[in-house]
Amino acid sequence: MKFKSIQKAELIWMLISVITMGLCLSYINQAAFGTDPCTTFNLAISGKLGLSLGNWQALFNCILFIFEFLFAKEQIGWGTIANMFLVGYSFDFFSWLNSLFLPEGFFQPMYVRILVTIPALFIFILAVAVYIAIQQGTAPYDAMPFIINKLIPKVPNKLVRMGWDIGFCIIGILFGGRIGIVTLIMAFSFGPAIAYAGKNIVPMLIHKKP
């Protein structure tokens, strides 16, 4: 396995994107309208195990990485490693900062939750679009549907991905996870939103065609 070379500017944007994902998820989670399927699952399991999201997500990603290494080496890159660890630990760090500097009960009013969720969700989508545009590898969670699709090629990749996300949502719910309007938005419009951002916004930021 040979990692694709990465330029300094790409490295900086990649690190900014994964850390920003963790930042936005920390606010989206505290606004309590639900999170993406993967985070819904990870929050539920980490809570049951008494681990921080960062610690559990790192462990879970390492497990999935084994399958990515065995069946999808071409999708592994520096971005894969960064995503595996930095998103979860950034979430932990910014959640901790919020607990220190934001007043108790800050996220209780509905208008605050809405005003926090909308920009956090937009910036999260943009960060994911930047991460994809850098083309430095695929996160293990995102690589798994492609691996499954190799095993059952007659099933469209979109259906495999939808089933993958729904499955983790269900597991998350069974373990006490919380879903909401944001979960539904991410499940049904996340892909098109990322594609739009990657085509129309990201090139203005990193001067690279998506």
N, C-alpha and C. Protein backbone atom coordinates (compact mmCIF):
# COMPACT_ATOMS: atom_id res chain seq x y z
N MET A 1 0.86 -1.20 0.00
CA MET A 1 0.00 0.00 0.00
C MET A 1 0.88 1.23 0.00
N LYS A 2 0.67 2.12 -0.96
CA LYS A 2 1.45 3.34 -1.07
C LYS A 2 0.51 4.54 -1.04
N PHE A 3 0.71 5.42 -0.08
CA PHE A 3 -0.15 6.58 0.04
C PHE A 3 0.15 7.57 -1.09
N LYS A 4 -0.91 8.18 -1.59
CA LYS A 4 -0.78 9.23 -2.58
C LYS A 4 -0.06 10.42 -1.96
N SER A 5 0.87 11.01 -2.72
CA SER A 5 1.60 12.17 -2.20
C SER A 5 0.62 13.32 -1.96
N ILE A 6 0.96 14.14 -0.98
CA ILE A 6 0.07 15.24 -0.63
C ILE A 6 0.86 16.53 -0.53
N GLN A 7 0.34 17.59 -1.12
CA GLN A 7 0.98 18.89 -1.06
C GLN A 7 0.63 19.58 0.26
N LYS A 8 1.43 20.59 0.60
CA LYS A 8 1.24 21.28 1.87
C LYS A 8 -0.15 21.90 1.97
N ALA A 9 -0.60 22.56 0.87
CA ALA A 9 -1.92 23.19 0.88
C ALA A 9 -3.02 22.16 1.07
N GLU A 10 -2.89 21.00 0.41
CA GLU A 10 -3.88 19.94 0.55
C GLU A 10 -3.91 19.41 1.97
N LEU A 11 -2.72 19.26 2.58
CA LEU A 11 -2.64 18.78 3.95
C LEU A 11 -3.34 19.74 4.90
N ILE A 12 -3.11 21.04 4.71
CA ILE A 12 -3.73 22.03 5.58
C ILE A 12 -5.25 21.99 5.44
N TRP A 13 -5.74 21.97 4.19
CA TRP A 13 -7.19 21.93 3.98
C TRP A 13 -7.81 20.65 4.50
N MET A 14 -7.08 19.53 4.37
CA MET A 14 -7.59 18.26 4.87
C MET A 14 -7.75 18.30 6.38
N LEU A 15 -6.73 18.82 7.06
CA LEU A 15 -6.79 18.91 8.52
C LEU A 15 -7.88 19.88 8.97
N ILE A 16 -8.00 21.00 8.27
CA ILE A 16 -9.06 21.96 8.60
C ILE A 16 -10.43 21.31 8.44
N SER A 17 -10.61 20.54 7.37
CA SER A 17 -11.92 19.95 7.09
C SER A 17 -12.31 18.93 8.15
N VAL A 18 -11.40 18.03 8.55
CA VAL A 18 -11.79 17.00 9.52
C VAL A 18 -11.98 17.58 10.92
N ILE A 19 -11.16 18.57 11.27
CA ILE A 19 -11.34 19.22 12.57
C ILE A 19 -12.65 20.01 12.60
N THR A 20 -12.98 20.65 11.48
CA THR A 20 -14.23 21.39 11.39
C THR A 20 -15.43 20.46 11.49
N MET A 21 -15.32 19.26 10.93
CA MET A 21 -16.40 18.27 11.08
C MET A 21 -16.67 18.00 12.55
N GLY A 22 -15.61 17.78 13.32
CA GLY A 22 -15.77 17.53 14.75
C GLY A 22 -16.36 18.72 15.48
N LEU A 23 -15.91 19.93 15.10
CA LEU A 23 -16.45 21.15 15.69
C LEU A 23 -17.95 21.26 15.45
N CYS A 24 -18.35 21.10 14.19
CA CYS A 24 -19.77 21.24 13.85
C CYS A 24 -20.61 20.16 14.51
N LEU A 25 -20.10 18.94 14.54
CA LEU A 25 -20.86 17.85 15.17
C LEU A 25 -21.06 18.09 16.66
N SER A 26 -20.09 18.75 17.31
CA SER A 26 -20.24 19.03 18.75
C SER A 26 -21.42 19.97 18.98
N TYR A 27 -21.62 20.94 18.09
CA TYR A 27 -22.76 21.86 18.22
C TYR A 27 -24.06 21.20 17.78
N ILE A 28 -24.01 20.44 16.69
CA ILE A 28 -25.21 19.75 16.20
C ILE A 28 -25.72 18.78 17.26
N ASN A 29 -24.81 18.08 17.92
CA ASN A 29 -25.22 17.14 18.96
C ASN A 29 -25.86 17.85 20.14
N GLN A 30 -25.28 18.96 20.57
CA GLN A 30 -25.82 19.67 21.73
C GLN A 30 -27.13 20.39 21.40
N ALA A 31 -27.36 20.69 20.12
CA ALA A 31 -28.63 21.29 19.73
C ALA A 31 -29.76 20.27 19.76
N ALA A 32 -29.40 18.98 19.77
CA ALA A 32 -30.35 17.89 20.04
C ALA A 32 -31.45 17.73 18.98
N PHE A 33 -31.09 17.94 17.72
CA PHE A 33 -32.01 17.62 16.63
C PHE A 33 -31.56 16.36 15.89
N GLY A 34 -30.65 15.62 16.49
CA GLY A 34 -30.12 14.43 15.86
C GLY A 34 -28.82 14.71 15.13
N THR A 35 -28.10 13.64 14.79
CA THR A 35 -26.85 13.76 14.04
C THR A 35 -26.89 12.79 12.87
N ASP A 36 -25.79 12.71 12.13
CA ASP A 36 -25.71 11.77 11.02
C ASP A 36 -25.76 10.34 11.54
N PRO A 37 -26.11 9.36 10.69
CA PRO A 37 -26.24 7.96 11.14
C PRO A 37 -25.02 7.42 11.86
N CYS A 38 -23.83 7.70 11.32
CA CYS A 38 -22.60 7.18 11.94
C CYS A 38 -22.41 7.74 13.34
N THR A 39 -22.58 9.06 13.49
CA THR A 39 -22.40 9.69 14.81
C THR A 39 -23.50 9.26 15.77
N THR A 40 -24.72 9.06 15.26
CA THR A 40 -25.82 8.56 16.10
C THR A 40 -25.43 7.22 16.71
N PHE A 41 -24.91 6.33 15.89
CA PHE A 41 -24.46 5.01 16.35
C PHE A 41 -23.31 5.15 17.35
N ASN A 42 -22.31 5.94 16.98
CA ASN A 42 -21.12 6.05 17.83
C ASN A 42 -21.42 6.70 19.17
N LEU A 43 -22.29 7.69 19.19
CA LEU A 43 -22.66 8.32 20.46
C LEU A 43 -23.39 7.33 21.36
N ALA A 44 -24.27 6.53 20.76
CA ALA A 44 -25.02 5.55 21.55
C ALA A 44 -24.10 4.49 22.14
N ILE A 45 -23.21 3.94 21.32
CA ILE A 45 -22.31 2.88 21.80
C ILE A 45 -21.30 3.43 22.80
N SER A 46 -20.73 4.60 22.51
CA SER A 46 -19.74 5.17 23.43
C SER A 46 -20.38 5.46 24.78
N GLY A 47 -21.65 5.89 24.76
CA GLY A 47 -22.35 6.13 26.02
C GLY A 47 -22.55 4.86 26.82
N LYS A 48 -22.90 3.77 26.14
CA LYS A 48 -23.10 2.49 26.83
C LYS A 48 -21.78 1.96 27.40
N LEU A 49 -20.69 2.21 26.70
CA LEU A 49 -19.39 1.69 27.14
C LEU A 49 -18.68 2.62 28.11
N GLY A 50 -19.20 3.82 28.27
CA GLY A 50 -18.56 4.79 29.16
C GLY A 50 -17.29 5.37 28.59
N LEU A 51 -17.21 5.44 27.26
CA LEU A 51 -16.05 6.00 26.58
C LEU A 51 -16.40 7.34 25.97
N SER A 52 -15.41 8.16 25.74
CA SER A 52 -15.64 9.38 24.98
C SER A 52 -15.90 9.01 23.53
N LEU A 53 -16.56 9.89 22.80
CA LEU A 53 -16.80 9.61 21.38
C LEU A 53 -15.49 9.39 20.64
N GLY A 54 -14.49 10.22 20.95
CA GLY A 54 -13.21 10.09 20.27
C GLY A 54 -12.58 8.74 20.46
N ASN A 55 -12.57 8.24 21.70
CA ASN A 55 -11.95 6.94 21.98
C ASN A 55 -12.71 5.80 21.30
N TRP A 56 -14.05 5.81 21.41
CA TRP A 56 -14.82 4.75 20.78
C TRP A 56 -14.72 4.82 19.26
N GLN A 57 -14.80 6.03 18.70
CA GLN A 57 -14.77 6.16 17.25
C GLN A 57 -13.43 5.73 16.69
N ALA A 58 -12.34 6.02 17.41
CA ALA A 58 -11.02 5.57 16.97
C ALA A 58 -10.97 4.04 16.95
N LEU A 59 -11.51 3.40 17.99
CA LEU A 59 -11.52 1.93 18.05
C LEU A 59 -12.38 1.36 16.93
N PHE A 60 -13.58 1.92 16.76
CA PHE A 60 -14.50 1.43 15.73
C PHE A 60 -13.90 1.61 14.33
N ASN A 61 -13.28 2.76 14.09
CA ASN A 61 -12.65 3.00 12.80
C ASN A 61 -11.50 2.03 12.53
N CYS A 62 -10.76 1.68 13.56
CA CYS A 62 -9.66 0.73 13.39
C CYS A 62 -10.19 -0.64 12.98
N ILE A 63 -11.34 -1.01 13.53
CA ILE A 63 -11.96 -2.29 13.15
C ILE A 63 -12.39 -2.25 11.69
N LEU A 64 -13.06 -1.18 11.29
CA LEU A 64 -13.50 -1.05 9.90
C LEU A 64 -12.31 -0.91 8.95
N PHE A 65 -11.24 -0.30 9.44
CA PHE A 65 -10.05 -0.10 8.60
C PHE A 65 -9.46 -1.43 8.15
N ILE A 66 -9.60 -2.46 8.98
CA ILE A 66 -9.09 -3.78 8.60
C ILE A 66 -9.74 -4.24 7.29
N PHE A 67 -11.06 -4.04 7.19
CA PHE A 67 -11.78 -4.44 5.98
C PHE A 67 -11.39 -3.55 4.80
N GLU A 68 -11.20 -2.25 5.07
CA GLU A 68 -10.78 -1.35 4.00
C GLU A 68 -9.40 -1.73 3.50
N PHE A 69 -8.52 -2.10 4.41
CA PHE A 69 -7.16 -2.50 4.03
C PHE A 69 -7.17 -3.78 3.20
N LEU A 70 -8.05 -4.70 3.56
CA LEU A 70 -8.10 -5.99 2.87
C LEU A 70 -8.79 -5.92 1.51
N PHE A 71 -9.83 -5.09 1.41
CA PHE A 71 -10.67 -5.13 0.22
C PHE A 71 -10.73 -3.82 -0.58
N ALA A 72 -10.18 -2.74 -0.05
CA ALA A 72 -10.27 -1.46 -0.78
C ALA A 72 -9.03 -0.61 -0.51
N LYS A 73 -7.86 -1.19 -0.71
CA LYS A 73 -6.62 -0.46 -0.46
C LYS A 73 -6.54 0.84 -1.25
N GLU A 74 -7.16 0.83 -2.44
CA GLU A 74 -7.07 2.01 -3.30
C GLU A 74 -7.77 3.22 -2.70
N GLN A 75 -8.60 3.01 -1.70
CA GLN A 75 -9.33 4.11 -1.08
C GLN A 75 -8.65 4.63 0.18
N ILE A 76 -7.49 4.10 0.49
CA ILE A 76 -6.79 4.52 1.70
C ILE A 76 -5.78 5.61 1.37
N GLY A 77 -5.78 6.63 2.18
CA GLY A 77 -4.82 7.72 2.02
C GLY A 77 -4.64 8.46 3.33
N TRP A 78 -3.92 9.57 3.27
CA TRP A 78 -3.69 10.34 4.48
C TRP A 78 -5.00 10.85 5.06
N GLY A 79 -5.96 11.15 4.19
CA GLY A 79 -7.26 11.61 4.66
C GLY A 79 -8.01 10.55 5.42
N THR A 80 -7.77 9.28 5.07
CA THR A 80 -8.40 8.18 5.80
C THR A 80 -7.96 8.19 7.26
N ILE A 81 -6.66 8.30 7.46
CA ILE A 81 -6.10 8.30 8.82
C ILE A 81 -6.58 9.52 9.60
N ALA A 82 -6.56 10.68 8.95
CA ALA A 82 -6.99 11.91 9.62
C ALA A 82 -8.45 11.81 10.05
N ASN A 83 -9.30 11.30 9.17
CA ASN A 83 -10.71 11.16 9.49
C ASN A 83 -10.94 10.18 10.62
N MET A 84 -10.18 9.09 10.63
CA MET A 84 -10.35 8.05 11.64
C MET A 84 -10.22 8.58 13.05
N PHE A 85 -9.31 9.53 13.25
CA PHE A 85 -9.00 9.96 14.60
C PHE A 85 -9.40 11.41 14.92
N LEU A 86 -9.23 12.31 13.97
CA LEU A 86 -9.40 13.72 14.29
C LEU A 86 -10.85 14.15 14.43
N VAL A 87 -11.77 13.54 13.70
CA VAL A 87 -13.17 13.95 13.82
C VAL A 87 -13.69 13.69 15.23
N GLY A 88 -13.48 12.48 15.73
CA GLY A 88 -13.97 12.12 17.06
C GLY A 88 -13.30 12.90 18.17
N TYR A 89 -11.98 13.03 18.09
CA TYR A 89 -11.27 13.74 19.16
C TYR A 89 -11.52 15.25 19.08
N SER A 90 -11.76 15.78 17.88
CA SER A 90 -12.15 17.19 17.76
C SER A 90 -13.52 17.40 18.40
N PHE A 91 -14.43 16.46 18.17
CA PHE A 91 -15.75 16.50 18.81
C PHE A 91 -15.60 16.56 20.32
N ASP A 92 -14.77 15.69 20.89
CA ASP A 92 -14.56 15.68 22.33
C ASP A 92 -13.99 17.02 22.82
N PHE A 93 -13.01 17.53 22.08
CA PHE A 93 -12.34 18.76 22.50
C PHE A 93 -13.29 19.95 22.50
N PHE A 94 -14.05 20.11 21.42
CA PHE A 94 -14.94 21.26 21.32
C PHE A 94 -16.15 21.11 22.25
N SER A 95 -16.59 19.89 22.49
CA SER A 95 -17.66 19.68 23.47
C SER A 95 -17.19 20.09 24.85
N TRP A 96 -15.94 19.77 25.15
CA TRP A 96 -15.34 20.18 26.44
C TRP A 96 -15.23 21.69 26.53
N LEU A 97 -14.79 22.34 25.46
CA LEU A 97 -14.70 23.80 25.45
C LEU A 97 -16.08 24.44 25.66
N ASN A 98 -17.09 23.88 24.99
CA ASN A 98 -18.44 24.41 25.16
C ASN A 98 -18.89 24.33 26.61
N SER A 99 -18.56 23.22 27.27
CA SER A 99 -18.96 23.06 28.67
C SER A 99 -18.27 24.06 29.58
N LEU A 100 -17.08 24.51 29.16
CA LEU A 100 -16.33 25.47 29.97
C LEU A 100 -16.83 26.91 29.79
N PHE A 101 -17.13 27.29 28.54
CA PHE A 101 -17.35 28.69 28.24
C PHE A 101 -18.81 29.07 27.97
N LEU A 102 -19.65 28.10 27.65
CA LEU A 102 -21.06 28.43 27.42
C LEU A 102 -21.83 28.27 28.72
N PRO A 103 -22.75 29.18 29.00
CA PRO A 103 -23.50 29.11 30.26
C PRO A 103 -24.38 27.86 30.31
N GLU A 104 -24.65 27.40 31.51
CA GLU A 104 -25.52 26.24 31.69
C GLU A 104 -26.91 26.53 31.14
N GLY A 105 -27.44 25.56 30.40
CA GLY A 105 -28.75 25.74 29.80
C GLY A 105 -28.74 26.54 28.50
N PHE A 106 -27.56 26.79 27.96
CA PHE A 106 -27.43 27.59 26.73
C PHE A 106 -28.23 27.00 25.57
N PHE A 107 -28.23 25.66 25.47
CA PHE A 107 -28.88 25.00 24.34
C PHE A 107 -30.35 24.64 24.61
N GLN A 108 -30.91 25.08 25.70
CA GLN A 108 -32.29 24.70 25.99
C GLN A 108 -33.34 25.47 25.17
N PRO A 109 -33.21 26.78 24.95
CA PRO A 109 -34.22 27.50 24.17
C PRO A 109 -34.26 26.99 22.72
N MET A 110 -35.46 26.82 22.19
CA MET A 110 -35.63 26.31 20.83
C MET A 110 -34.95 27.20 19.80
N TYR A 111 -35.07 28.52 19.97
CA TYR A 111 -34.48 29.42 18.97
C TYR A 111 -32.96 29.31 18.94
N VAL A 112 -32.35 29.07 20.11
CA VAL A 112 -30.89 28.89 20.15
C VAL A 112 -30.51 27.61 19.43
N ARG A 113 -31.25 26.55 19.68
CA ARG A 113 -30.97 25.27 19.02
C ARG A 113 -31.05 25.40 17.51
N ILE A 114 -32.06 26.13 17.03
CA ILE A 114 -32.23 26.30 15.58
C ILE A 114 -31.10 27.17 15.02
N LEU A 115 -30.80 28.27 15.70
CA LEU A 115 -29.76 29.18 15.23
C LEU A 115 -28.38 28.54 15.25
N VAL A 116 -28.17 27.58 16.12
CA VAL A 116 -26.90 26.84 16.17
C VAL A 116 -26.86 25.77 15.09
N THR A 117 -27.97 25.07 14.92
CA THR A 117 -27.99 23.93 14.01
C THR A 117 -27.81 24.33 12.55
N ILE A 118 -28.49 25.37 12.10
CA ILE A 118 -28.47 25.73 10.68
C ILE A 118 -27.05 26.05 10.18
N PRO A 119 -26.32 26.97 10.81
CA PRO A 119 -24.95 27.22 10.31
C PRO A 119 -24.00 26.04 10.54
N ALA A 120 -24.18 25.33 11.66
CA ALA A 120 -23.31 24.18 11.93
C ALA A 120 -23.49 23.10 10.86
N LEU A 121 -24.74 22.88 10.46
CA LEU A 121 -25.02 21.87 9.43
C LEU A 121 -24.45 22.30 8.08
N PHE A 122 -24.62 23.58 7.75
CA PHE A 122 -24.08 24.09 6.48
C PHE A 122 -22.56 23.97 6.44
N ILE A 123 -21.90 24.38 7.53
CA ILE A 123 -20.43 24.32 7.56
C ILE A 123 -19.96 22.88 7.55
N PHE A 124 -20.70 21.98 8.22
CA PHE A 124 -20.34 20.57 8.22
C PHE A 124 -20.38 20.01 6.80
N ILE A 125 -21.44 20.32 6.06
CA ILE A 125 -21.56 19.86 4.67
C ILE A 125 -20.40 20.40 3.84
N LEU A 126 -20.05 21.66 4.03
CA LEU A 126 -18.94 22.26 3.30
C LEU A 126 -17.62 21.59 3.65
N ALA A 127 -17.42 21.28 4.93
CA ALA A 127 -16.19 20.62 5.36
C ALA A 127 -16.06 19.24 4.74
N VAL A 128 -17.17 18.50 4.68
CA VAL A 128 -17.15 17.18 4.05
C VAL A 128 -16.83 17.31 2.56
N ALA A 129 -17.42 18.32 1.91
CA ALA A 129 -17.17 18.54 0.48
C ALA A 129 -15.70 18.85 0.22
N VAL A 130 -15.09 19.65 1.09
CA VAL A 130 -13.66 19.96 0.97
C VAL A 130 -12.85 18.69 1.15
N TYR A 131 -13.19 17.90 2.16
CA TYR A 131 -12.48 16.64 2.43
C TYR A 131 -12.52 15.72 1.21
N ILE A 132 -13.68 15.62 0.59
CA ILE A 132 -13.82 14.76 -0.60
C ILE A 132 -13.02 15.32 -1.76
N ALA A 133 -13.06 16.65 -1.94
CA ALA A 133 -12.37 17.28 -3.06
C ALA A 133 -10.86 17.11 -2.98
N ILE A 134 -10.32 17.04 -1.77
CA ILE A 134 -8.88 16.85 -1.60
C ILE A 134 -8.43 15.50 -2.17
N GLN A 135 -9.33 14.51 -2.15
CA GLN A 135 -9.06 13.18 -2.72
C GLN A 135 -7.84 12.51 -2.09
N GLN A 136 -7.83 12.48 -0.77
CA GLN A 136 -6.73 11.86 -0.06
C GLN A 136 -7.19 10.64 0.75
N GLY A 137 -8.17 9.95 0.24
CA GLY A 137 -8.61 8.72 0.91
C GLY A 137 -10.03 8.81 1.42
N THR A 138 -10.60 7.65 1.71
CA THR A 138 -11.98 7.54 2.17
C THR A 138 -12.00 7.04 3.60
N ALA A 139 -12.87 7.62 4.43
CA ALA A 139 -13.03 7.15 5.81
C ALA A 139 -13.52 5.71 5.80
N PRO A 140 -13.10 4.90 6.76
CA PRO A 140 -13.52 3.49 6.79
C PRO A 140 -15.02 3.29 6.74
N TYR A 141 -15.77 4.11 7.47
CA TYR A 141 -17.24 3.98 7.47
C TYR A 141 -17.80 4.18 6.07
N ASP A 142 -17.26 5.16 5.35
CA ASP A 142 -17.74 5.46 4.00
C ASP A 142 -17.24 4.45 2.97
N ALA A 143 -16.12 3.79 3.26
CA ALA A 143 -15.59 2.80 2.33
C ALA A 143 -16.37 1.49 2.38
N MET A 144 -16.99 1.19 3.50
CA MET A 144 -17.66 -0.09 3.66
C MET A 144 -18.78 -0.33 2.64
N PRO A 145 -19.64 0.66 2.33
CA PRO A 145 -20.67 0.41 1.31
C PRO A 145 -20.08 0.01 -0.04
N PHE A 146 -18.92 0.60 -0.41
CA PHE A 146 -18.28 0.24 -1.66
C PHE A 146 -17.78 -1.21 -1.62
N ILE A 147 -17.28 -1.60 -0.46
CA ILE A 147 -16.81 -2.98 -0.30
C ILE A 147 -17.98 -3.95 -0.39
N ILE A 148 -19.07 -3.61 0.27
CA ILE A 148 -20.27 -4.45 0.21
C ILE A 148 -20.79 -4.53 -1.22
N ASN A 149 -20.72 -3.39 -1.92
CA ASN A 149 -21.20 -3.36 -3.30
C ASN A 149 -20.38 -4.26 -4.22
N LYS A 150 -19.11 -4.45 -3.88
CA LYS A 150 -18.28 -5.38 -4.64
C LYS A 150 -18.78 -6.81 -4.49
N LEU A 151 -19.29 -7.12 -3.30
CA LEU A 151 -19.77 -8.46 -3.02
C LEU A 151 -21.14 -8.71 -3.64
N ILE A 152 -21.95 -7.66 -3.74
CA ILE A 152 -23.28 -7.78 -4.34
C ILE A 152 -23.44 -6.69 -5.41
N PRO A 153 -22.72 -6.82 -6.52
CA PRO A 153 -22.68 -5.76 -7.53
C PRO A 153 -24.01 -5.48 -8.21
N LYS A 154 -24.96 -6.41 -8.14
CA LYS A 154 -26.25 -6.19 -8.80
C LYS A 154 -27.11 -5.17 -8.06
N VAL A 155 -26.77 -4.92 -6.80
CA VAL A 155 -27.53 -3.94 -6.02
C VAL A 155 -26.89 -2.56 -6.23
N PRO A 156 -27.66 -1.55 -6.61
CA PRO A 156 -27.09 -0.21 -6.82
C PRO A 156 -26.38 0.31 -5.58
N ASN A 157 -25.29 1.01 -5.81
CA ASN A 157 -24.49 1.53 -4.70
C ASN A 157 -25.30 2.45 -3.79
N LYS A 158 -26.22 3.23 -4.38
CA LYS A 158 -27.04 4.14 -3.57
C LYS A 158 -27.89 3.37 -2.56
N LEU A 159 -28.42 2.23 -3.00
CA LEU A 159 -29.24 1.41 -2.10
C LEU A 159 -28.39 0.79 -1.00
N VAL A 160 -27.19 0.36 -1.37
CA VAL A 160 -26.28 -0.22 -0.37
C VAL A 160 -25.94 0.83 0.68
N ARG A 161 -25.64 2.05 0.23
CA ARG A 161 -25.29 3.11 1.17
C ARG A 161 -26.48 3.47 2.05
N MET A 162 -27.66 3.52 1.46
CA MET A 162 -28.85 3.83 2.23
C MET A 162 -29.11 2.76 3.28
N GLY A 163 -28.98 1.50 2.88
CA GLY A 163 -29.17 0.41 3.83
C GLY A 163 -28.13 0.42 4.94
N TRP A 164 -26.90 0.76 4.58
CA TRP A 164 -25.81 0.86 5.55
C TRP A 164 -26.12 1.93 6.60
N ASP A 165 -26.52 3.11 6.14
CA ASP A 165 -26.83 4.20 7.07
C ASP A 165 -28.05 3.88 7.93
N ILE A 166 -29.09 3.35 7.31
CA ILE A 166 -30.30 3.02 8.05
C ILE A 166 -30.01 1.96 9.11
N GLY A 167 -29.18 0.99 8.75
CA GLY A 167 -28.81 -0.06 9.70
C GLY A 167 -28.13 0.50 10.94
N PHE A 168 -27.23 1.45 10.73
CA PHE A 168 -26.54 2.03 11.87
C PHE A 168 -27.44 2.95 12.67
N CYS A 169 -28.40 3.59 12.00
CA CYS A 169 -29.39 4.38 12.73
C CYS A 169 -30.20 3.48 13.66
N ILE A 170 -30.63 2.34 13.13
CA ILE A 170 -31.44 1.41 13.92
C ILE A 170 -30.65 0.89 15.12
N ILE A 171 -29.40 0.51 14.89
CA ILE A 171 -28.56 0.02 15.99
C ILE A 171 -28.39 1.13 17.03
N GLY A 172 -28.16 2.36 16.55
CA GLY A 172 -28.00 3.48 17.47
C GLY A 172 -29.24 3.69 18.32
N ILE A 173 -30.43 3.60 17.69
CA ILE A 173 -31.69 3.76 18.43
C ILE A 173 -31.84 2.66 19.47
N LEU A 174 -31.52 1.43 19.08
CA LEU A 174 -31.64 0.29 20.01
C LEU A 174 -30.76 0.45 21.24
N PHE A 175 -29.65 1.17 21.07
CA PHE A 175 -28.73 1.39 22.20
C PHE A 175 -28.94 2.76 22.84
N GLY A 176 -30.09 3.37 22.57
CA GLY A 176 -30.42 4.62 23.24
C GLY A 176 -30.01 5.87 22.50
N GLY A 177 -29.64 5.74 21.23
CA GLY A 177 -29.25 6.90 20.45
C GLY A 177 -30.45 7.79 20.14
N ARG A 178 -30.16 9.04 19.80
CA ARG A 178 -31.20 10.02 19.55
C ARG A 178 -31.19 10.41 18.07
N ILE A 179 -32.35 10.33 17.44
CA ILE A 179 -32.46 10.80 16.07
C ILE A 179 -33.43 11.97 16.03
N GLY A 180 -33.36 12.73 14.95
CA GLY A 180 -34.24 13.89 14.82
C GLY A 180 -34.25 14.39 13.40
N ILE A 181 -34.68 15.63 13.22
CA ILE A 181 -34.82 16.19 11.89
C ILE A 181 -33.48 16.25 11.16
N VAL A 182 -32.39 16.50 11.89
CA VAL A 182 -31.07 16.56 11.25
C VAL A 182 -30.68 15.17 10.73
N THR A 183 -31.02 14.13 11.47
CA THR A 183 -30.74 12.77 11.02
C THR A 183 -31.42 12.51 9.68
N LEU A 184 -32.69 12.91 9.57
CA LEU A 184 -33.44 12.71 8.33
C LEU A 184 -32.86 13.54 7.19
N ILE A 185 -32.47 14.78 7.50
CA ILE A 185 -31.87 15.63 6.47
C ILE A 185 -30.59 15.00 5.94
N MET A 186 -29.76 14.52 6.85
CA MET A 186 -28.50 13.91 6.43
C MET A 186 -28.73 12.61 5.67
N ALA A 187 -29.74 11.86 6.07
CA ALA A 187 -29.99 10.57 5.43
C ALA A 187 -30.48 10.73 4.00
N PHE A 188 -31.29 11.77 3.74
CA PHE A 188 -31.96 11.85 2.44
C PHE A 188 -31.44 12.96 1.52
N SER A 189 -30.75 13.96 2.07
CA SER A 189 -30.30 15.04 1.20
C SER A 189 -28.82 15.38 1.37
N PHE A 190 -28.13 14.59 2.18
CA PHE A 190 -26.73 14.86 2.48
C PHE A 190 -25.87 14.73 1.22
N GLY A 191 -26.08 13.64 0.46
CA GLY A 191 -25.29 13.40 -0.74
C GLY A 191 -25.42 14.51 -1.76
N PRO A 192 -26.65 14.87 -2.17
CA PRO A 192 -26.82 15.97 -3.13
C PRO A 192 -26.27 17.30 -2.61
N ALA A 193 -26.42 17.56 -1.31
CA ALA A 193 -25.93 18.82 -0.75
C ALA A 193 -24.40 18.88 -0.82
N ILE A 194 -23.75 17.77 -0.53
CA ILE A 194 -22.28 17.71 -0.60
C ILE A 194 -21.83 17.87 -2.05
N ALA A 195 -22.54 17.21 -2.97
CA ALA A 195 -22.20 17.31 -4.39
C ALA A 195 -22.32 18.76 -4.87
N TYR A 196 -23.39 19.44 -4.45
CA TYR A 196 -23.58 20.84 -4.84
C TYR A 196 -22.45 21.72 -4.28
N ALA A 197 -22.15 21.53 -3.00
CA ALA A 197 -21.08 22.33 -2.38
C ALA A 197 -19.74 22.05 -3.04
N GLY A 198 -19.50 20.76 -3.35
CA GLY A 198 -18.23 20.41 -3.99
C GLY A 198 -18.08 21.03 -5.36
N LYS A 199 -19.18 21.19 -6.07
CA LYS A 199 -19.13 21.73 -7.43
C LYS A 199 -19.12 23.25 -7.45
N ASN A 200 -19.84 23.88 -6.55
CA ASN A 200 -20.06 25.32 -6.64
C ASN A 200 -19.31 26.17 -5.61
N ILE A 201 -18.94 25.58 -4.49
CA ILE A 201 -18.32 26.37 -3.42
C ILE A 201 -16.86 26.00 -3.19
N VAL A 202 -16.58 24.70 -3.12
CA VAL A 202 -15.23 24.25 -2.80
C VAL A 202 -14.18 24.80 -3.76
N PRO A 203 -14.41 24.81 -5.09
CA PRO A 203 -13.37 25.34 -5.99
C PRO A 203 -12.96 26.77 -5.67
N MET A 204 -13.87 27.55 -5.12
CA MET A 204 -13.54 28.94 -4.75
C MET A 204 -12.63 28.97 -3.52
N LEU A 205 -12.67 27.91 -2.71
CA LEU A 205 -11.86 27.87 -1.49
C LEU A 205 -10.47 27.31 -1.74
N ILE A 206 -10.40 26.20 -2.45
CA ILE A 206 -9.12 25.51 -2.60
C ILE A 206 -8.57 25.56 -4.01
N HIS A 207 -9.30 26.22 -4.91
CA HIS A 207 -8.84 26.39 -6.29
C HIS A 207 -8.46 25.07 -6.94
N LYS A 208 -9.36 24.10 -6.71
CA LYS A 208 -9.12 22.76 -7.27
C LYS A 208 -10.45 22.22 -7.72
N LYS A 209 -10.50 21.65 -8.89
CA LYS A 209 -11.74 21.09 -9.40
C LYS A 209 -12.14 19.90 -8.57
N PRO A 210 -13.45 19.79 -8.14
CA PRO A 210 -13.92 18.67 -7.34
C PRO A 210 -13.95 17.41 -8.17
